[in-house]
């Protein structure tokens, strides 16, 4: 079994993970009511809406 010779530094680990966790353009959707862009399956913080219902008080 292959075993690494040296421990990978936290910097290198972070650089590798950052490539995996990028947001793809498929995740970004336009909000139907406000017309602003947000991540899909996420709460809209400005309006406080999620799936068509009010979840939080709107942020001013």
C-alpha atoms as a PDB file:
ATOM      1  CA  UNK A   1       0.000   0.000   0.000  1.00  0.00           C
ATOM      2  CA  UNK A   2       1.319   3.468  -0.883  1.00  0.00           C
ATOM      3  CA  UNK A   3       2.094   5.693   2.086  1.00  0.00           C
ATOM      4  CA  UNK A   4       3.070   9.400   1.859  1.00  0.00           C
ATOM      5  CA  UNK A   5       6.646  10.170   2.897  1.00  0.00           C
ATOM      6  CA  UNK A   6       5.776  13.467   4.570  1.00  0.00           C
ATOM      7  CA  UNK A   7       2.747  15.018   6.209  1.00  0.00           C
ATOM      8  CA  UNK A   8       0.891  17.395   3.922  1.00  0.00           C
ATOM      9  CA  UNK A   9       1.002  20.979   5.223  1.00  0.00           C
ATOM     10  CA  UNK A  10      -2.240  22.733   6.228  1.00  0.00           C
ATOM     11  CA  UNK A  11      -1.622  25.254   3.453  1.00  0.00           C
ATOM     12  CA  UNK A  12      -1.515  22.549   0.798  1.00  0.00           C
ATOM     13  CA  UNK A  13      -4.556  20.841   2.277  1.00  0.00           C
ATOM     14  CA  UNK A  14      -6.469  24.122   2.136  1.00  0.00           C
ATOM     15  CA  UNK A  15      -5.415  24.750  -1.468  1.00  0.00           C
ATOM     16  CA  UNK A  16      -6.658  21.307  -2.483  1.00  0.00           C
ATOM     17  CA  UNK A  17      -9.948  21.689  -0.645  1.00  0.00           C
ATOM     18  CA  UNK A  18     -10.594  25.139  -2.080  1.00  0.00           C
ATOM     19  CA  UNK A  19     -10.634  23.667  -5.580  1.00  0.00           C
ATOM     20  CA  UNK A  20     -13.228  21.102  -4.551  1.00  0.00           C
ATOM     21  CA  UNK A  21     -15.550  23.541  -2.801  1.00  0.00           C
ATOM     22  CA  UNK A  22     -15.950  26.141  -5.528  1.00  0.00           C
ATOM     23  CA  UNK A  23     -19.506  27.159  -6.318  1.00  0.00           C
ATOM     24  CA  UNK A  24     -20.554  26.082  -9.753  1.00  0.00           C
ATOM     25  CA  UNK A  25     -22.767  28.259 -11.909  1.00  0.00           C
ATOM     26  CA  UNK A  26     -25.472  25.603 -11.616  1.00  0.00           C
ATOM     27  CA  UNK A  27     -25.842  26.436  -7.902  1.00  0.00           C
ATOM     28  CA  UNK A  28     -26.635  30.100  -8.514  1.00  0.00           C
ATOM     29  CA  UNK A  29     -30.274  30.855  -9.316  1.00  0.00           C
ATOM     30  CA  UNK A  30     -32.230  34.051  -9.839  1.00  0.00           C
ATOM     31  CA  UNK A  31     -34.812  34.790  -7.168  1.00  0.00           C
ATOM     32  CA  UNK A  32     -38.319  34.930  -8.675  1.00  0.00           C
ATOM     33  CA  UNK A  33     -39.629  37.830  -6.610  1.00  0.00           C
ATOM     34  CA  UNK A  34     -36.608  40.095  -6.043  1.00  0.00           C
ATOM     35  CA  UNK A  35     -34.670  39.184  -9.209  1.00  0.00           C
ATOM     36  CA  UNK A  36     -31.402  38.886  -7.287  1.00  0.00           C
ATOM     37  CA  UNK A  37     -29.048  35.932  -7.505  1.00  0.00           C
ATOM     38  CA  UNK A  38     -28.615  33.506  -4.636  1.00  0.00           C
ATOM     39  CA  UNK A  39     -27.468  29.930  -4.046  1.00  0.00           C
ATOM     40  CA  UNK A  40     -30.113  27.297  -4.650  1.00  0.00           C
ATOM     41  CA  UNK A  41     -31.548  25.583  -1.548  1.00  0.00           C
ATOM     42  CA  UNK A  42     -30.449  28.576   0.557  1.00  0.00           C
ATOM     43  CA  UNK A  43     -32.419  31.217   2.398  1.00  0.00           C
ATOM     44  CA  UNK A  44     -32.589  34.702   0.845  1.00  0.00           C
ATOM     45  CA  UNK A  45     -31.301  36.925   3.663  1.00  0.00           C
ATOM     46  CA  UNK A  46     -32.646  40.186   2.222  1.00  0.00           C
ATOM     47  CA  UNK A  47     -36.254  39.055   1.983  1.00  0.00           C
ATOM     48  CA  UNK A  48     -36.177  36.235   4.555  1.00  0.00           C
ATOM     49  CA  UNK A  49     -37.977  33.892   2.156  1.00  0.00           C
ATOM     50  CA  UNK A  50     -37.313  30.177   1.614  1.00  0.00           C
ATOM     51  CA  UNK A  51     -39.350  27.981  -0.743  1.00  0.00           C
ATOM     52  CA  UNK A  52     -42.002  30.678  -1.112  1.00  0.00           C
ATOM     53  CA  UNK A  53     -42.674  31.246   2.568  1.00  0.00           C
ATOM     54  CA  UNK A  54     -41.453  33.793   5.125  1.00  0.00           C
ATOM     55  CA  UNK A  55     -38.886  32.229   7.459  1.00  0.00           C
ATOM     56  CA  UNK A  56     -37.027  35.246   8.870  1.00  0.00           C
ATOM     57  CA  UNK A  57     -37.763  38.927   9.291  1.00  0.00           C
ATOM     58  CA  UNK A  58     -36.477  40.875   6.256  1.00  0.00           C
ATOM     59  CA  UNK A  59     -33.048  42.458   6.668  1.00  0.00           C
ATOM     60  CA  UNK A  60     -33.038  46.249   6.232  1.00  0.00           C
END
